[in-house]
Protein backbone atom coordinates (compact mmCIF):
# COMPACT_ATOMS: atom_id res chain seq x y z
CA MET A 1 92.44 91.42 108.58
CA HIS A 2 90.11 94.09 107.31
CA ASP A 3 92.22 96.33 105.11
CA TYR A 4 89.22 98.41 104.09
CA ARG A 5 89.14 99.87 107.61
CA GLY A 6 92.84 100.77 107.75
CA TRP A 7 95.61 99.60 110.05
CA PHE A 8 96.62 102.81 111.85
CA TYR A 9 95.46 106.25 112.84
CA ALA A 10 97.36 109.45 113.57
CA ASN A 11 97.03 111.55 116.73
CA CYS A 12 97.65 115.24 117.25
CA THR A 13 100.93 115.96 119.06
CA VAL A 14 99.71 119.06 120.92
CA PRO A 15 99.77 118.23 124.67
CA ASN A 16 96.39 117.13 126.06
CA CYS A 17 94.81 116.96 122.59
CA LEU A 18 93.23 113.58 121.88
CA ASN A 19 92.11 114.36 118.32
CA LYS A 20 92.83 112.09 115.43
CA VAL A 21 94.44 114.01 112.59
CA LEU A 22 93.59 113.66 108.93
CA PRO A 23 95.90 113.68 105.91
CA GLU A 24 95.81 116.84 103.84
CA GLU A 25 98.22 117.09 100.90
CA ASP A 26 101.68 116.20 102.30
CA THR A 27 100.86 116.75 105.96
CA PHE A 28 98.34 115.94 108.67
CA VAL A 29 95.85 118.42 110.08
CA CYS A 30 94.19 118.61 113.51
CA ALA A 31 90.73 120.17 113.63
CA ASP A 32 91.65 122.22 116.73
CA HIS A 33 95.39 122.98 116.45
CA VAL A 34 98.18 123.89 114.11
CA MET A 35 100.63 121.02 114.46
CA LYS A 36 104.34 121.80 114.29
CA ASP A 37 105.49 118.18 114.62
CA ALA A 38 104.62 115.02 112.74
CA PRO A 39 101.64 113.17 114.23
CA THR A 40 101.96 110.17 116.50
CA PHE A 41 100.96 107.04 114.58
CA MET A 42 99.06 104.33 116.45
CA TYR A 43 98.07 100.83 115.39
CA TYR A 44 94.38 100.01 115.12
CA LEU A 45 93.71 96.87 113.11
CA ASN A 46 90.33 95.22 112.70
CA THR A 47 90.52 91.45 112.31
CA VAL A 48 88.60 88.22 112.54
CA ILE A 49 89.97 85.79 115.12
CA THR A 50 89.11 82.11 114.85
CA ASP A 51 89.46 79.05 117.06
CA ASP A 52 87.79 75.63 117.32
CA THR A 53 84.57 77.20 118.59
CA GLY A 54 84.05 79.80 115.86
CA SER A 55 85.03 83.27 114.71
CA ILE A 56 84.61 86.79 116.06
CA GLU A 57 85.69 90.25 114.97
CA ALA A 58 88.29 91.92 117.17
CA SER A 59 90.44 95.04 117.11
CA PHE A 60 94.15 94.95 117.85
CA PHE A 61 95.32 98.15 119.48
CA ASN A 62 98.70 99.83 119.60
CA GLU A 63 100.50 97.93 122.37
CA SER A 64 99.35 94.44 121.38
CA LEU A 65 100.26 94.85 117.72
CA ALA A 66 103.58 96.56 118.46
CA HIS A 67 104.53 93.59 120.66
CA LEU A 68 103.72 91.09 117.88
CA VAL A 69 105.31 93.03 115.03
CA GLY A 70 108.41 94.18 116.92
CA TYR A 71 108.02 97.81 115.81
CA THR A 72 106.01 100.72 117.09
CA CYS A 73 103.64 102.13 114.51
CA ASN A 74 105.87 105.22 114.21
CA GLN A 75 108.91 103.02 113.54
CA LEU A 76 107.05 101.02 110.90
CA MET A 77 105.87 104.19 109.19
CA VAL A 78 109.46 105.50 108.97
CA LYS A 79 111.17 102.17 108.19
CA LYS A 80 108.70 100.85 105.64
CA LYS A 81 107.47 104.24 104.38
CA ASN A 82 103.93 102.89 104.27
CA ARG A 83 101.51 105.73 104.92
CA ASN A 84 98.56 104.16 103.12
CA PRO A 85 96.08 103.15 105.84
CA LYS A 86 94.34 100.74 103.44
CA GLU A 87 97.54 98.82 102.56
CA ILE A 88 98.51 96.51 105.43
CA PRO A 89 102.32 96.06 105.57
CA PRO A 90 103.68 92.56 104.90
CA VAL A 91 105.17 92.33 108.42
CA ILE A 92 101.62 92.57 109.81
CA LYS A 93 100.13 90.23 107.20
CA LEU A 94 102.63 87.57 108.33
CA LEU A 95 100.57 87.24 111.52
CA THR A 96 97.68 85.71 109.58
CA GLY A 97 97.03 82.09 110.56
CA ILE A 98 99.44 81.85 113.51
CA GLN A 99 98.36 80.81 116.99
CA LEU A 100 98.21 83.63 119.51
CA LEU A 101 97.42 83.79 123.19
CA LEU A 102 95.16 86.83 123.59
CA THR A 103 93.99 88.93 126.49
CA VAL A 104 90.80 90.62 125.36
CA ASN A 105 88.17 92.97 126.71
CA ILE A 106 84.56 93.43 125.73
CA LYS A 107 83.64 97.07 125.23
CA PRO A 108 80.25 98.45 126.34
CA ASN A 109 79.10 98.43 122.70
CA GLY A 110 79.85 94.67 122.49
CA SER A 111 83.00 94.97 120.39
CA LEU A 112 86.07 92.94 121.29
CA GLY A 113 89.45 94.59 121.86
CA VAL A 114 92.80 92.80 122.10
CA ASP A 115 94.78 94.20 125.05
CA SER A 116 97.78 91.90 124.71
CA ALA A 117 98.90 89.14 122.40
CA GLN A 118 101.78 86.71 122.33
CA LYS A 119 102.87 84.07 119.88
CA THR A 120 102.59 80.52 121.13
CA SER A 121 102.90 77.06 119.62
CA THR A 122 100.60 75.36 122.15
CA ILE A 123 97.59 76.87 123.82
CA THR A 124 96.28 75.21 126.98
CA PRO A 125 92.65 76.04 127.81
CA THR A 126 92.13 77.73 131.17
CA THR A 127 88.51 76.65 131.42
CA PRO A 128 87.19 73.07 131.30
CA TYR A 129 85.53 71.83 128.14
């Protein structure tokens, strides 16, 4: 897990606004709107995934990480009171080293995104060796 890149981002809550918001003092600020509500927090965790064939960098997005952790990012922010994007919560760090079955996609820029993930004790290859 790359903690230097952060583990979440915050979105503006104004309808149809897709802006990320930035922390400013004790609140978050959208470049285009005055926000009345707290932002929506979303997981975005950069990692290195490894198997018998090698390693590759991949990004876990909101749905896949929420499924593994058992909390939405908003719930984790409230429950654990961890608003430091550079400090990965222990519940996420517990995922290090466990076997996962991943559904991934390759973005046009060549980066790898994890669409879904599930814990598994045995992984059966779907392609021949």
